[in-house]
Amino acid sequence: MSCERKKIEINDSMQKGYYYLTEPINSNFDEEFKPELTPKQMLELGVFGGKYLNDCTDEFPSSWYENAKLSSGKKDISLNYFQVDASQPLKTWELKGWLHPADPRGWFQWYCRYYYGRRLPEEDSRQIKRWKAFRRHIGAIKKNCEPRDLSCRKKQRQALLHWAYDSRNI
């Protein structure tokens, strides 16, 4: 069941405009998309050095930010759950063609909006395929680490957190 279309205004440093929510929050996901973490959980755990969506707090529910680990200045790797940098610069994402004009910050911005209830069928399909492909890193951790040894392959574990996989359970 879809929700009534709700208009969401965007007014941040990278984008201005709006989109519509057409699904209830955290509902009606593609059957192949089963993220292990919500955007709120990801922000609370510590992702992207605390520098992601900091100027988008008006766009998403305020509850997402209540316990979020955010940096008021530059990216702060100590805010990441595994305290390592597992991100590539936005410029790299641009050069590789991984960005879509609707979500100029990349995958996590897409995921936040998808989770919130926005649907862009073609882009959703592309991003879900990318999410599924990232799962390969779970295999590398299982092959090379003792179960739940969080000190093993910290960069891969942090990257998995960035993609809504809960690498603390591997």
C-alpha atoms as a PDB file:
ATOM      1  CA  MET A   1       0.000   0.000   0.000  1.00  0.00           C
ATOM      2  CA  SER A   2       1.409   3.405  -0.962  1.00  0.00           C
ATOM      3  CA  CYS A   3       1.246   6.490   1.165  1.00  0.00           C
ATOM      4  CA  GLU A   4      -0.150   9.817   0.077  1.00  0.00           C
ATOM      5  CA  ARG A   5       2.474  11.681  -1.943  1.00  0.00           C
ATOM      6  CA  LYS A   6       4.404  13.975   0.356  1.00  0.00           C
ATOM      7  CA  LYS A   7       6.628  16.679  -1.081  1.00  0.00           C
ATOM      8  CA  ILE A   8      10.122  16.892   0.445  1.00  0.00           C
ATOM      9  CA  GLU A   9      12.032  20.131  -0.057  1.00  0.00           C
ATOM     10  CA  ILE A  10      15.791  19.934  -0.658  1.00  0.00           C
ATOM     11  CA  ASN A  11      17.914  22.937   0.250  1.00  0.00           C
ATOM     12  CA  ASP A  12      21.504  21.996   0.996  1.00  0.00           C
ATOM     13  CA  SER A  13      24.975  22.883  -0.258  1.00  0.00           C
ATOM     14  CA  MET A  14      24.825  20.401  -3.160  1.00  0.00           C
ATOM     15  CA  GLN A  15      21.196  20.439  -4.243  1.00  0.00           C
ATOM     16  CA  LYS A  16      18.030  22.485  -4.264  1.00  0.00           C
ATOM     17  CA  GLY A  17      14.594  21.322  -5.333  1.00  0.00           C
ATOM     18  CA  TYR A  18      12.193  18.664  -4.168  1.00  0.00           C
ATOM     19  CA  TYR A  19      11.043  15.078  -4.530  1.00  0.00           C
ATOM     20  CA  TYR A  20       7.993  13.124  -3.506  1.00  0.00           C
ATOM     21  CA  LEU A  21       7.641  10.271  -1.062  1.00  0.00           C
ATOM     22  CA  THR A  22       5.371   7.643  -2.578  1.00  0.00           C
ATOM     23  CA  GLU A  23       5.827   4.834  -0.040  1.00  0.00           C
ATOM     24  CA  PRO A  24       5.637   4.741   3.761  1.00  0.00           C
ATOM     25  CA  ILE A  25       8.979   5.018   5.535  1.00  0.00           C
ATOM     26  CA  ASN A  26      10.937   1.723   5.653  1.00  0.00           C
ATOM     27  CA  SER A  27       8.295  -0.069   3.570  1.00  0.00           C
ATOM     28  CA  ASN A  28       7.752  -1.733   0.237  1.00  0.00           C
ATOM     29  CA  PHE A  29      11.416  -2.327  -0.559  1.00  0.00           C
ATOM     30  CA  ASP A  30      12.422  -4.266  -3.643  1.00  0.00           C
ATOM     31  CA  GLU A  31      12.379  -7.952  -2.665  1.00  0.00           C
ATOM     32  CA  GLU A  32      16.120  -8.243  -3.413  1.00  0.00           C
ATOM     33  CA  PHE A  33      17.054  -5.289  -1.190  1.00  0.00           C
ATOM     34  CA  LYS A  34      17.457  -6.296   2.441  1.00  0.00           C
ATOM     35  CA  PRO A  35      19.743  -3.803   4.187  1.00  0.00           C
ATOM     36  CA  GLU A  36      20.833  -4.832   7.669  1.00  0.00           C
ATOM     37  CA  LEU A  37      21.072  -1.285   9.014  1.00  0.00           C
ATOM     38  CA  THR A  38      18.757   1.710   8.801  1.00  0.00           C
ATOM     39  CA  PRO A  39      20.134   5.154   7.953  1.00  0.00           C
ATOM     40  CA  LYS A  40      19.591   6.156  11.602  1.00  0.00           C
ATOM     41  CA  GLN A  41      21.597   3.151  12.830  1.00  0.00           C
ATOM     42  CA  MET A  42      24.377   3.877  10.356  1.00  0.00           C
ATOM     43  CA  LEU A  43      24.650   7.506  11.477  1.00  0.00           C
ATOM     44  CA  GLU A  44      24.686   6.398  15.125  1.00  0.00           C
ATOM     45  CA  LEU A  45      27.394   3.778  14.544  1.00  0.00           C
ATOM     46  CA  GLY A  46      29.639   6.264  12.771  1.00  0.00           C
ATOM     47  CA  VAL A  47      30.068   6.367   9.016  1.00  0.00           C
ATOM     48  CA  PHE A  48      31.793   8.628   6.484  1.00  0.00           C
ATOM     49  CA  GLY A  49      33.869  10.396   9.132  1.00  0.00           C
ATOM     50  CA  GLY A  50      30.760  12.172  10.371  1.00  0.00           C
ATOM     51  CA  LYS A  51      30.587  14.306   7.200  1.00  0.00           C
ATOM     52  CA  TYR A  52      27.579  13.008   5.336  1.00  0.00           C
ATOM     53  CA  LEU A  53      24.214  14.726   5.172  1.00  0.00           C
ATOM     54  CA  ASN A  54      25.268  17.232   7.842  1.00  0.00           C
ATOM     55  CA  ASP A  55      23.561  20.017   5.924  1.00  0.00           C
ATOM     56  CA  CYS A  56      20.519  17.846   5.127  1.00  0.00           C
ATOM     57  CA  THR A  57      19.027  17.677   8.604  1.00  0.00           C
ATOM     58  CA  ASP A  58      15.839  19.406   7.442  1.00  0.00           C
ATOM     59  CA  GLU A  59      15.267  16.765   4.760  1.00  0.00           C
ATOM     60  CA  PHE A  60      15.101  13.668   6.954  1.00  0.00           C
ATOM     61  CA  PRO A  61      13.421  12.837  10.269  1.00  0.00           C
ATOM     62  CA  SER A  62      15.107  14.593  13.187  1.00  0.00           C
ATOM     63  CA  SER A  63      15.253  11.259  15.049  1.00  0.00           C
ATOM     64  CA  TRP A  64      17.921  10.113  12.567  1.00  0.00           C
ATOM     65  CA  TYR A  65      20.257  12.764  13.954  1.00  0.00           C
ATOM     66  CA  GLU A  66      19.553  12.497  17.705  1.00  0.00           C
ATOM     67  CA  ASN A  67      22.536  10.203  18.400  1.00  0.00           C
ATOM     68  CA  ALA A  68      24.339  10.545  15.082  1.00  0.00           C
ATOM     69  CA  LYS A  69      28.104  10.838  15.103  1.00  0.00           C
ATOM     70  CA  LEU A  70      28.555  13.989  13.046  1.00  0.00           C
ATOM     71  CA  SER A  71      31.563  16.221  12.591  1.00  0.00           C
ATOM     72  CA  SER A  72      31.059  19.951  12.801  1.00  0.00           C
ATOM     73  CA  GLY A  73      34.299  20.521  10.933  1.00  0.00           C
ATOM     74  CA  LYS A  74      36.221  18.369   8.501  1.00  0.00           C
ATOM     75  CA  LYS A  75      35.821  14.619   8.153  1.00  0.00           C
ATOM     76  CA  ASP A  76      36.802  13.008  11.460  1.00  0.00           C
ATOM     77  CA  ILE A  77      37.790   9.359  11.033  1.00  0.00           C
ATOM     78  CA  SER A  78      37.676   8.825  14.806  1.00  0.00           C
ATOM     79  CA  LEU A  79      33.871   9.085  14.504  1.00  0.00           C
ATOM     80  CA  ASN A  80      33.748   6.010  12.250  1.00  0.00           C
ATOM     81  CA  TYR A  81      32.816   2.809  14.062  1.00  0.00           C
ATOM     82  CA  PHE A  82      36.107   1.129  13.111  1.00  0.00           C
ATOM     83  CA  GLN A  83      38.040   4.428  13.202  1.00  0.00           C
ATOM     84  CA  VAL A  84      39.461   3.941   9.717  1.00  0.00           C
ATOM     85  CA  ASP A  85      38.828   5.785   6.471  1.00  0.00           C
ATOM     86  CA  ALA A  86      36.916   3.504   4.126  1.00  0.00           C
ATOM     87  CA  SER A  87      35.611   6.180   1.754  1.00  0.00           C
ATOM     88  CA  GLN A  88      36.667   7.313  -1.655  1.00  0.00           C
ATOM     89  CA  PRO A  89      36.458  11.020  -2.476  1.00  0.00           C
ATOM     90  CA  LEU A  90      33.278  12.219  -4.168  1.00  0.00           C
ATOM     91  CA  LYS A  91      35.458  13.171  -7.157  1.00  0.00           C
ATOM     92  CA  THR A  92      36.316   9.473  -7.622  1.00  0.00           C
ATOM     93  CA  TRP A  93      32.615   8.604  -7.588  1.00  0.00           C
ATOM     94  CA  GLU A  94      32.007  11.296 -10.224  1.00  0.00           C
ATOM     95  CA  LEU A  95      34.833  10.060 -12.467  1.00  0.00           C
ATOM     96  CA  LYS A  96      33.614   6.458 -12.264  1.00  0.00           C
ATOM     97  CA  GLY A  97      30.047   7.469 -13.167  1.00  0.00           C
ATOM     98  CA  TRP A  98      28.618   6.136  -9.903  1.00  0.00           C
ATOM     99  CA  LEU A  99      26.567   9.263  -9.153  1.00  0.00           C
ATOM    100  CA  HIS A 100      23.070  10.087 -10.355  1.00  0.00           C
ATOM    101  CA  PRO A 101      21.883  13.703 -10.632  1.00  0.00           C
ATOM    102  CA  ALA A 102      19.014  12.990  -8.210  1.00  0.00           C
ATOM    103  CA  ASP A 103      21.512  11.949  -5.525  1.00  0.00           C
ATOM    104  CA  PRO A 104      24.740  13.921  -5.998  1.00  0.00           C
ATOM    105  CA  ARG A 105      26.257  12.595  -2.757  1.00  0.00           C
ATOM    106  CA  GLY A 106      26.047   8.971  -3.826  1.00  0.00           C
ATOM    107  CA  TRP A 107      24.747   5.658  -2.574  1.00  0.00           C
ATOM    108  CA  PHE A 108      24.001   6.589   1.040  1.00  0.00           C
ATOM    109  CA  GLN A 109      21.955   9.598  -0.026  1.00  0.00           C
ATOM    110  CA  TRP A 110      20.020   7.343  -2.396  1.00  0.00           C
ATOM    111  CA  TYR A 111      19.499   4.817   0.419  1.00  0.00           C
ATOM    112  CA  CYS A 112      18.271   7.473   2.852  1.00  0.00           C
ATOM    113  CA  ARG A 113      15.732   8.712   0.321  1.00  0.00           C
ATOM    114  CA  TYR A 114      14.681   5.184  -0.662  1.00  0.00           C
ATOM    115  CA  TYR A 115      14.260   4.223   2.999  1.00  0.00           C
ATOM    116  CA  TYR A 116      12.301   7.453   3.551  1.00  0.00           C
ATOM    117  CA  GLY A 117       9.872   6.505   0.756  1.00  0.00           C
ATOM    118  CA  ARG A 118      11.103   8.023  -2.495  1.00  0.00           C
ATOM    119  CA  ARG A 119      11.095   5.731  -5.516  1.00  0.00           C
ATOM    120  CA  LEU A 120      12.940   6.186  -8.801  1.00  0.00           C
ATOM    121  CA  PRO A 121      12.483   2.736 -10.417  1.00  0.00           C
ATOM    122  CA  GLU A 122      15.421   2.803 -12.834  1.00  0.00           C
ATOM    123  CA  GLU A 123      17.838   4.351 -10.347  1.00  0.00           C
ATOM    124  CA  ASP A 124      16.561   2.119  -7.544  1.00  0.00           C
ATOM    125  CA  SER A 125      17.339  -0.940  -9.648  1.00  0.00           C
ATOM    126  CA  ARG A 126      20.861   0.316 -10.432  1.00  0.00           C
ATOM    127  CA  GLN A 127      21.640   1.117  -6.798  1.00  0.00           C
ATOM    128  CA  ILE A 128      20.264  -2.180  -5.522  1.00  0.00           C
ATOM    129  CA  LYS A 129      22.530  -4.002  -7.988  1.00  0.00           C
ATOM    130  CA  ARG A 130      25.499  -2.012  -6.656  1.00  0.00           C
ATOM    131  CA  TRP A 131      24.476  -2.827  -3.073  1.00  0.00           C
ATOM    132  CA  LYS A 132      24.246  -6.549  -3.875  1.00  0.00           C
ATOM    133  CA  ALA A 133      27.666  -6.487  -5.581  1.00  0.00           C
ATOM    134  CA  PHE A 134      29.257  -4.929  -2.495  1.00  0.00           C
ATOM    135  CA  ARG A 135      28.334  -8.050  -0.551  1.00  0.00           C
ATOM    136  CA  ARG A 136      31.479  -9.716  -1.940  1.00  0.00           C
ATOM    137  CA  HIS A 137      33.418  -8.047   0.882  1.00  0.00           C
ATOM    138  CA  ILE A 138      31.578 -10.230   3.398  1.00  0.00           C
ATOM    139  CA  GLY A 139      33.187 -13.281   1.774  1.00  0.00           C
ATOM    140  CA  ALA A 140      36.654 -11.775   2.112  1.00  0.00           C
ATOM    141  CA  ILE A 141      36.126 -11.152   5.820  1.00  0.00           C
ATOM    142  CA  LYS A 142      34.757 -14.657   6.403  1.00  0.00           C
ATOM    143  CA  LYS A 143      37.688 -16.172   4.511  1.00  0.00           C
ATOM    144  CA  ASN A 144      40.405 -14.188   6.273  1.00  0.00           C
ATOM    145  CA  CYS A 145      39.108 -13.475   9.786  1.00  0.00           C
ATOM    146  CA  GLU A 146      37.958 -15.380  12.818  1.00  0.00           C
ATOM    147  CA  PRO A 147      34.219 -14.893  13.434  1.00  0.00           C
ATOM    148  CA  ARG A 148      33.492 -11.530  15.059  1.00  0.00           C
ATOM    149  CA  ASP A 149      37.168 -10.515  15.213  1.00  0.00           C
ATOM    150  CA  LEU A 150      36.423  -6.835  14.749  1.00  0.00           C
ATOM    151  CA  SER A 151      40.125  -5.999  14.582  1.00  0.00           C
ATOM    152  CA  CYS A 152      40.470  -8.016  11.358  1.00  0.00           C
ATOM    153  CA  ARG A 153      39.947  -6.159   8.070  1.00  0.00           C
ATOM    154  CA  LYS A 154      38.655  -3.022   9.717  1.00  0.00           C
ATOM    155  CA  LYS A 155      38.621  -1.042   6.469  1.00  0.00           C
ATOM    156  CA  GLN A 156      36.436  -3.641   4.737  1.00  0.00           C
ATOM    157  CA  ARG A 157      34.176  -3.819   7.784  1.00  0.00           C
ATOM    158  CA  GLN A 158      33.791  -0.028   7.805  1.00  0.00           C
ATOM    159  CA  ALA A 159      33.056  -0.016   4.077  1.00  0.00           C
ATOM    160  CA  LEU A 160      30.366  -2.651   4.625  1.00  0.00           C
ATOM    161  CA  LEU A 161      28.794  -0.417   7.285  1.00  0.00           C
ATOM    162  CA  HIS A 162      28.704   2.343   4.668  1.00  0.00           C
ATOM    163  CA  TRP A 163      26.579   0.009   2.527  1.00  0.00           C
ATOM    164  CA  ALA A 164      24.127  -0.968   5.311  1.00  0.00           C
ATOM    165  CA  TYR A 165      25.704  -4.369   5.959  1.00  0.00           C
ATOM    166  CA  ASP A 166      26.267  -4.968   9.679  1.00  0.00           C
ATOM    167  CA  SER A 167      29.865  -6.145   9.616  1.00  0.00           C
ATOM    168  CA  ARG A 168      29.950  -6.394  13.413  1.00  0.00           C
ATOM    169  CA  ASN A 169      28.129  -9.724  13.036  1.00  0.00           C
ATOM    170  CA  ILE A 170      30.578 -11.363  10.628  1.00  0.00           C
END
